[in-house]
Protein backbone atom coordinates (compact mmCIF):
# COMPACT_ATOMS: atom_id res chain seq x y z
CA UNK A 1 0.00 0.00 0.00
CA UNK A 2 2.85 2.36 -0.77
CA UNK A 3 4.55 1.97 2.61
CA UNK A 4 8.29 1.33 2.85
CA UNK A 5 9.42 -1.48 5.15
CA UNK A 6 13.02 -2.48 5.90
CA UNK A 7 14.17 -5.85 4.58
CA UNK A 8 14.62 -8.68 7.06
CA UNK A 9 18.19 -9.26 5.86
CA UNK A 10 19.00 -5.57 6.41
CA UNK A 11 17.55 -5.66 9.92
CA UNK A 12 19.67 -8.74 10.68
CA UNK A 13 22.81 -7.04 9.37
CA UNK A 14 23.08 -5.20 12.70
CA UNK A 15 23.40 -8.50 14.58
CA UNK A 16 26.87 -9.38 15.89
CA UNK A 17 28.55 -11.96 13.66
CA UNK A 18 31.63 -13.31 15.41
CA UNK A 19 32.60 -15.66 12.56
CA UNK A 20 32.51 -12.77 10.10
CA UNK A 21 34.56 -10.58 12.41
CA UNK A 22 37.24 -13.30 12.71
CA UNK A 23 37.26 -13.71 8.93
CA UNK A 24 37.76 -9.96 8.41
CA UNK A 25 40.69 -9.93 10.80
CA UNK A 26 42.29 -12.91 9.07
CA UNK A 27 42.08 -11.66 5.47
CA UNK A 28 41.87 -7.88 5.83
CA UNK A 29 39.14 -5.55 4.58
CA UNK A 30 40.26 -5.22 0.97
CA UNK A 31 40.57 -8.97 0.41
CA UNK A 32 37.32 -9.53 2.33
CA UNK A 33 35.46 -7.22 -0.09
CA UNK A 34 36.81 -9.19 -3.06
CA UNK A 35 35.75 -12.48 -1.46
CA UNK A 36 32.35 -11.08 -0.50
CA UNK A 37 31.69 -9.87 -4.06
CA UNK A 38 32.76 -13.21 -5.58
CA UNK A 39 30.67 -15.14 -3.04
CA UNK A 40 27.61 -12.99 -3.77
CA UNK A 41 27.99 -13.63 -7.50
CA UNK A 42 28.37 -17.38 -6.93
CA UNK A 43 25.40 -17.39 -4.56
CA UNK A 44 23.22 -15.64 -7.14
CA UNK A 45 24.15 -18.22 -9.77
CA UNK A 46 23.44 -21.12 -7.38
CA UNK A 47 20.07 -19.67 -6.38
CA UNK A 48 19.03 -19.36 -10.00
CA UNK A 49 20.26 -22.85 -10.90
CA UNK A 50 18.56 -24.53 -7.92
CA UNK A 51 15.30 -22.63 -8.40
CA UNK A 52 15.13 -23.40 -12.13
CA UNK A 53 15.88 -27.09 -11.58
CA UNK A 54 13.27 -27.24 -8.80
CA UNK A 55 10.47 -25.85 -10.97
CA UNK A 56 11.47 -27.89 -14.02
CA UNK A 57 12.81 -25.07 -16.17
CA UNK A 58 15.75 -25.68 -18.44
CA UNK A 59 18.90 -23.79 -17.56
CA UNK A 60 22.44 -23.81 -18.86
CA UNK A 61 24.35 -24.78 -15.72
CA UNK A 62 27.77 -23.14 -15.50
CA UNK A 63 30.59 -25.66 -15.05
CA UNK A 64 31.41 -24.20 -11.64
CA UNK A 65 27.88 -24.98 -10.43
CA UNK A 66 27.53 -28.41 -12.04
CA UNK A 67 28.47 -30.59 -9.00
CA UNK A 68 26.06 -28.77 -6.71
CA UNK A 69 23.33 -28.77 -9.37
CA UNK A 70 23.69 -32.52 -9.93
CA UNK A 71 23.63 -33.19 -6.18
CA UNK A 72 20.51 -31.04 -5.82
CA UNK A 73 18.76 -32.89 -8.66
CA UNK A 74 19.31 -36.19 -6.84
CA UNK A 75 18.21 -34.72 -3.49
CA UNK A 76 15.19 -33.06 -5.11
CA UNK A 77 14.00 -36.34 -6.66
CA UNK A 78 14.73 -38.48 -3.60
CA UNK A 79 12.81 -36.18 -1.27
CA UNK A 80 10.00 -35.35 -3.70
CA UNK A 81 10.38 -31.62 -3.11
CA UNK A 82 7.80 -29.47 -4.84
CA UNK A 83 8.60 -25.78 -5.32
CA UNK A 84 5.52 -23.65 -6.00
CA UNK A 85 6.65 -21.67 -9.07
CA UNK A 86 4.50 -18.65 -8.21
CA UNK A 87 6.29 -18.40 -4.85
CA UNK A 88 9.90 -18.50 -6.04
CA UNK A 89 11.65 -15.20 -5.25
CA UNK A 90 8.36 -13.85 -3.92
CA UNK A 91 8.31 -10.52 -2.06
CA UNK A 92 6.44 -10.72 1.24
CA UNK A 93 5.89 -8.35 4.14
CA UNK A 94 4.53 -8.13 7.65
CA UNK A 95 1.89 -5.47 8.10
CA UNK A 96 1.83 -6.13 11.86
CA UNK A 97 5.60 -5.79 12.40
CA UNK A 98 6.47 -3.57 9.42
CA UNK A 99 9.24 -5.49 7.67
CA UNK A 100 9.60 -7.04 4.23
CA UNK A 101 11.68 -9.63 2.46
CA UNK A 102 11.86 -12.01 -0.45
CA UNK A 103 11.37 -15.73 0.12
CA UNK A 104 13.55 -17.96 -2.03
CA UNK A 105 10.68 -20.43 -2.33
CA UNK A 106 7.58 -21.83 -0.77
CA UNK A 107 7.78 -25.57 -1.06
CA UNK A 108 6.25 -28.87 -0.04
CA UNK A 109 8.49 -31.50 1.51
CA UNK A 110 7.15 -34.69 3.08
CA UNK A 111 3.63 -33.28 2.84
CA UNK A 112 4.43 -30.08 4.75
CA UNK A 113 4.16 -26.61 3.24
CA UNK A 114 6.70 -24.01 4.23
CA UNK A 115 9.35 -21.41 3.57
CA UNK A 116 12.53 -22.73 1.97
CA UNK A 117 15.61 -20.54 2.07
CA UNK A 118 18.66 -21.41 -0.02
CA UNK A 119 22.09 -20.72 1.46
CA UNK A 120 25.48 -21.14 -0.18
CA UNK A 121 27.57 -20.22 2.85
CA UNK A 122 30.17 -22.44 4.48
CA UNK A 123 27.98 -23.13 7.50
CA UNK A 124 24.72 -22.49 9.31
CA UNK A 125 24.38 -19.24 11.21
CA UNK A 126 21.81 -18.18 13.87
CA UNK A 127 20.47 -15.32 11.75
CA UNK A 128 19.14 -17.88 9.25
CA UNK A 129 16.63 -18.97 11.87
CA UNK A 130 15.65 -15.37 12.51
CA UNK A 131 15.26 -14.67 8.79
CA UNK A 132 13.09 -17.69 8.02
CA UNK A 133 11.16 -17.20 11.26
CA UNK A 134 10.32 -13.64 10.19
CA UNK A 135 9.08 -14.90 6.80
CA UNK A 136 6.90 -17.55 8.45
CA UNK A 137 5.47 -14.98 10.88
CA UNK A 138 4.59 -12.63 8.02
CA UNK A 139 3.00 -15.38 5.94
CA UNK A 140 0.80 -16.39 8.86
CA UNK A 141 -0.81 -12.95 9.04
CA UNK A 142 -4.36 -13.24 7.59
CA UNK A 143 -4.00 -10.03 5.53
CA UNK A 144 -0.76 -11.23 3.93
CA UNK A 145 -2.05 -14.77 3.34
CA UNK A 146 -4.91 -13.25 1.33
CA UNK A 147 -2.73 -10.70 -0.46
CA UNK A 148 -0.26 -13.31 -1.76
CA UNK A 149 -2.96 -15.99 -2.28
CA UNK A 150 -1.33 -18.74 -0.23
CA UNK A 151 -2.72 -22.15 -1.27
CA UNK A 152 -2.58 -23.37 2.35
CA UNK A 153 -1.23 -22.44 5.77
CA UNK A 154 2.53 -22.24 6.31
CA UNK A 155 3.54 -25.16 8.53
CA UNK A 156 7.31 -25.00 8.74
CA UNK A 157 10.55 -23.69 7.29
CA UNK A 158 13.75 -25.17 5.92
CA UNK A 159 17.21 -23.96 5.15
CA UNK A 160 18.72 -25.69 2.13
CA UNK A 161 22.47 -25.26 2.36
CA UNK A 162 24.13 -25.91 -0.97
CA UNK A 163 27.66 -27.06 -0.28
CA UNK A 164 29.76 -25.85 -3.17
CA UNK A 165 32.73 -28.00 -2.19
CA UNK A 166 33.04 -31.71 -2.58
CA UNK A 167 35.59 -33.79 -0.71
CA UNK A 168 37.53 -36.39 -2.64
CA UNK A 169 36.97 -39.85 -1.10
CA UNK A 170 40.55 -40.91 -1.93
CA UNK A 171 42.70 -37.92 -0.97
CA UNK A 172 40.31 -35.74 1.10
CA UNK A 173 41.02 -32.63 -0.99
CA UNK A 174 38.20 -30.23 -1.78
C-alpha cells in the first residue's frame, strides 16, 4: 500500500557476527570485499540454478555450479520436493511488524508446506533462523495470506544449504 518497510536481511545485518569478524581480521578488509563480491555472484548463480531445476525449467548450468546442481537434482528427486513456481523469489511483508523480504521459495516436503531458504555459505548461522522465522510470521498474518494468495497455511521452514565444495573420497582434498 505504498509503505516502505526495511528488509529482514538488512535488519539482521546489525546483529553481531563473530565468525565474520574473525574472517575480516584474518584476510583484511580489501581482500574480504573481493571475497564477498565473488561469493555474492556465486550465490546468485546457485540460487538461479537450484530454483530453475526445482520448478522444471531448463537452464544452462555453469561448469562451476555443475556438481552442486547434480547433487541437488538427486536430493530433489529423492525427497520429492515441490517448489511452488509462483512463490519462487516472492516478495512478502509483515503489516503487523512492518518489515519485508523475499522468500527464495515456498515448497512442499514430506507433505508439509513451508518457507525454503537457499544458502550457499560455508555453514549455518543463527540469523538464518531469525530470517526464516520472520518470513513464516509474516506469511501467517491473515491479511498477507490473502494478499499473496497462499494455497494453504505455512507449517514450517527449511534452510537448504548448498555445499559448493566436494571432498575427494581418496585424498580428502576439496
